N, C-alpha and C. Protein backbone atom coordinates (compact mmCIF):
# COMPACT_ATOMS: atom_id res chain seq x y z
N MET A 1 -4.99 3.56 8.36
CA MET A 1 -6.12 3.22 7.52
C MET A 1 -6.27 4.27 6.43
N GLN A 2 -6.53 3.82 5.23
CA GLN A 2 -6.74 4.73 4.11
C GLN A 2 -8.23 4.95 3.92
N THR A 3 -8.59 6.14 3.51
CA THR A 3 -9.98 6.43 3.20
C THR A 3 -10.08 6.98 1.80
N ALA A 4 -11.23 6.84 1.22
CA ALA A 4 -11.44 7.32 -0.14
C ALA A 4 -11.56 8.84 -0.19
N THR A 5 -11.59 9.51 0.96
CA THR A 5 -11.72 10.96 0.98
C THR A 5 -10.38 11.67 0.87
N GLN A 6 -9.26 10.93 0.93
CA GLN A 6 -7.96 11.55 0.77
C GLN A 6 -7.82 12.07 -0.65
N SER A 7 -6.94 13.07 -0.85
CA SER A 7 -6.78 13.61 -2.19
C SER A 7 -6.12 12.59 -3.11
N TYR A 8 -5.19 11.79 -2.57
CA TYR A 8 -4.63 10.69 -3.34
C TYR A 8 -3.97 9.71 -2.39
N VAL A 9 -3.71 8.52 -2.90
CA VAL A 9 -3.07 7.47 -2.11
C VAL A 9 -1.78 7.09 -2.82
N GLU A 10 -0.66 7.16 -2.11
CA GLU A 10 0.62 6.74 -2.70
C GLU A 10 0.77 5.23 -2.56
N VAL A 11 1.22 4.60 -3.64
CA VAL A 11 1.45 3.16 -3.63
C VAL A 11 2.85 2.88 -4.17
N THR A 12 3.38 1.73 -3.81
CA THR A 12 4.71 1.31 -4.27
C THR A 12 4.60 -0.02 -4.98
N ALA A 13 5.73 -0.51 -5.46
CA ALA A 13 5.76 -1.80 -6.16
C ALA A 13 5.25 -2.92 -5.27
N ALA A 14 5.40 -2.80 -3.95
CA ALA A 14 4.92 -3.82 -3.02
C ALA A 14 3.39 -3.92 -3.03
N ASP A 15 2.69 -2.87 -3.48
CA ASP A 15 1.23 -2.87 -3.52
C ASP A 15 0.66 -3.46 -4.81
N LEU A 16 1.52 -3.78 -5.75
CA LEU A 16 1.07 -4.29 -7.05
C LEU A 16 0.82 -5.79 -7.00
N PRO A 17 -0.14 -6.33 -7.71
CA PRO A 17 -1.13 -5.59 -8.49
C PRO A 17 -2.10 -4.86 -7.56
N LEU A 18 -2.39 -3.63 -7.91
CA LEU A 18 -3.20 -2.75 -7.07
C LEU A 18 -4.68 -2.93 -7.40
N HIS A 19 -5.48 -3.01 -6.37
CA HIS A 19 -6.92 -3.04 -6.57
C HIS A 19 -7.58 -2.08 -5.58
N CYS A 20 -8.76 -1.63 -5.94
CA CYS A 20 -9.55 -0.75 -5.10
C CYS A 20 -10.90 -1.42 -4.88
N PRO A 21 -11.42 -1.46 -3.68
CA PRO A 21 -10.86 -0.90 -2.47
C PRO A 21 -9.66 -1.69 -1.98
N THR A 22 -8.76 -1.00 -1.32
CA THR A 22 -7.57 -1.65 -0.78
C THR A 22 -7.94 -2.31 0.56
N PRO A 23 -7.13 -3.25 1.03
CA PRO A 23 -7.44 -3.92 2.29
C PRO A 23 -7.57 -2.97 3.48
N GLY A 24 -6.93 -1.82 3.43
CA GLY A 24 -6.99 -0.87 4.54
C GLY A 24 -8.21 0.04 4.54
N MET A 25 -9.03 -0.02 3.52
CA MET A 25 -10.21 0.86 3.44
C MET A 25 -11.36 0.29 4.25
N SER A 26 -12.21 1.16 4.74
CA SER A 26 -13.38 0.76 5.52
C SER A 26 -14.35 -0.04 4.67
N LEU A 27 -14.97 -1.03 5.29
CA LEU A 27 -15.92 -1.87 4.56
C LEU A 27 -17.23 -1.17 4.26
N TRP A 28 -17.61 -0.17 5.05
CA TRP A 28 -18.90 0.47 4.86
C TRP A 28 -19.00 1.20 3.52
N ASN A 29 -17.87 1.62 2.96
CA ASN A 29 -17.92 2.34 1.69
C ASN A 29 -17.33 1.51 0.56
N ALA A 30 -17.30 0.20 0.72
CA ALA A 30 -16.70 -0.68 -0.29
C ALA A 30 -17.56 -0.74 -1.55
N HIS A 31 -16.88 -1.00 -2.64
CA HIS A 31 -17.53 -1.21 -3.94
C HIS A 31 -16.89 -2.46 -4.53
N PRO A 32 -17.37 -2.95 -5.67
CA PRO A 32 -16.75 -4.14 -6.26
C PRO A 32 -15.25 -3.91 -6.50
N ARG A 33 -14.46 -4.96 -6.33
CA ARG A 33 -13.01 -4.86 -6.52
C ARG A 33 -12.70 -4.63 -8.00
N VAL A 34 -11.86 -3.65 -8.24
CA VAL A 34 -11.41 -3.33 -9.59
C VAL A 34 -9.90 -3.12 -9.53
N PHE A 35 -9.18 -3.66 -10.51
CA PHE A 35 -7.73 -3.49 -10.54
C PHE A 35 -7.39 -2.16 -11.19
N ILE A 36 -6.41 -1.48 -10.60
CA ILE A 36 -6.03 -0.13 -11.02
C ILE A 36 -4.64 -0.20 -11.67
N PRO A 37 -4.51 0.18 -12.95
CA PRO A 37 -3.22 0.07 -13.66
C PRO A 37 -2.28 1.24 -13.39
N VAL A 38 -2.01 1.51 -12.13
CA VAL A 38 -1.18 2.64 -11.72
C VAL A 38 0.26 2.50 -12.21
N ASP A 39 0.72 1.28 -12.42
CA ASP A 39 2.11 1.05 -12.84
C ASP A 39 2.36 1.39 -14.30
N LYS A 40 1.33 1.67 -15.06
CA LYS A 40 1.50 2.00 -16.49
C LYS A 40 1.85 3.47 -16.71
N LEU A 41 1.11 4.37 -16.06
CA LEU A 41 1.29 5.81 -16.29
C LEU A 41 1.78 6.58 -15.08
N GLY A 42 1.88 5.89 -13.93
CA GLY A 42 2.33 6.58 -12.74
C GLY A 42 1.19 7.00 -11.83
N GLU A 43 -0.01 7.13 -12.37
CA GLU A 43 -1.18 7.41 -11.56
C GLU A 43 -2.42 6.95 -12.30
N ALA A 44 -3.45 6.63 -11.53
CA ALA A 44 -4.71 6.17 -12.11
C ALA A 44 -5.81 6.40 -11.09
N ARG A 45 -7.02 6.55 -11.59
CA ARG A 45 -8.17 6.84 -10.74
C ARG A 45 -9.14 5.65 -10.76
N CYS A 46 -9.71 5.35 -9.59
CA CYS A 46 -10.70 4.28 -9.49
C CYS A 46 -11.99 4.74 -10.19
N PRO A 47 -12.55 3.91 -11.07
CA PRO A 47 -13.77 4.31 -11.77
C PRO A 47 -15.01 4.31 -10.86
N TYR A 48 -14.94 3.67 -9.71
CA TYR A 48 -16.08 3.62 -8.81
C TYR A 48 -16.10 4.78 -7.82
N CYS A 49 -15.00 4.96 -7.08
CA CYS A 49 -15.00 5.95 -5.99
C CYS A 49 -14.15 7.18 -6.30
N SER A 50 -13.47 7.19 -7.43
CA SER A 50 -12.65 8.31 -7.89
C SER A 50 -11.40 8.53 -7.05
N THR A 51 -11.00 7.57 -6.23
CA THR A 51 -9.75 7.69 -5.49
C THR A 51 -8.60 7.72 -6.48
N LEU A 52 -7.71 8.67 -6.32
CA LEU A 52 -6.54 8.78 -7.19
C LEU A 52 -5.38 8.06 -6.52
N TYR A 53 -4.77 7.15 -7.26
CA TYR A 53 -3.60 6.42 -6.78
C TYR A 53 -2.38 6.91 -7.54
N LYS A 54 -1.32 7.22 -6.81
CA LYS A 54 -0.06 7.67 -7.42
C LYS A 54 1.04 6.70 -7.06
N PHE A 55 1.78 6.27 -8.07
CA PHE A 55 2.87 5.33 -7.87
C PHE A 55 4.08 6.08 -7.36
N LYS A 56 4.65 5.62 -6.25
CA LYS A 56 5.84 6.24 -5.67
C LYS A 56 7.03 5.35 -5.97
N GLY A 57 8.02 5.89 -6.61
CA GLY A 57 9.19 5.12 -6.99
C GLY A 57 9.33 5.07 -8.50
N GLU A 58 10.22 4.24 -8.95
CA GLU A 58 10.48 4.11 -10.38
C GLU A 58 9.46 3.18 -11.01
N LEU A 59 8.88 3.61 -12.13
CA LEU A 59 7.93 2.78 -12.84
C LEU A 59 8.62 1.54 -13.40
N LEU A 60 7.87 0.46 -13.41
CA LEU A 60 8.42 -0.80 -13.92
C LEU A 60 8.64 -0.71 -15.42
N LYS A 61 9.71 -1.36 -15.88
CA LYS A 61 10.02 -1.35 -17.32
C LYS A 61 10.12 -2.79 -17.79
N GLY A 62 9.59 -3.06 -18.96
CA GLY A 62 9.70 -4.40 -19.53
C GLY A 62 8.85 -5.40 -18.78
N HIS A 63 9.25 -6.65 -18.90
CA HIS A 63 8.51 -7.74 -18.24
C HIS A 63 8.94 -7.85 -16.80
N HIS A 64 8.01 -8.27 -15.97
CA HIS A 64 8.32 -8.46 -14.55
C HIS A 64 7.70 -9.72 -14.05
């Protein structure tokens, strides 16, 4: 289970499109679902809970 208190959460291409909160997060601290563009820069932060997501692997190039 992932929690928003971790320093960051690693995600892969299998997690895209990424949204926060993720399915593994506890419901008690949930906020509205927001999509996180981690595949653009390699990392991105949730504007609600400040969880930092880092993309693990090669960033996508071109159309997919």
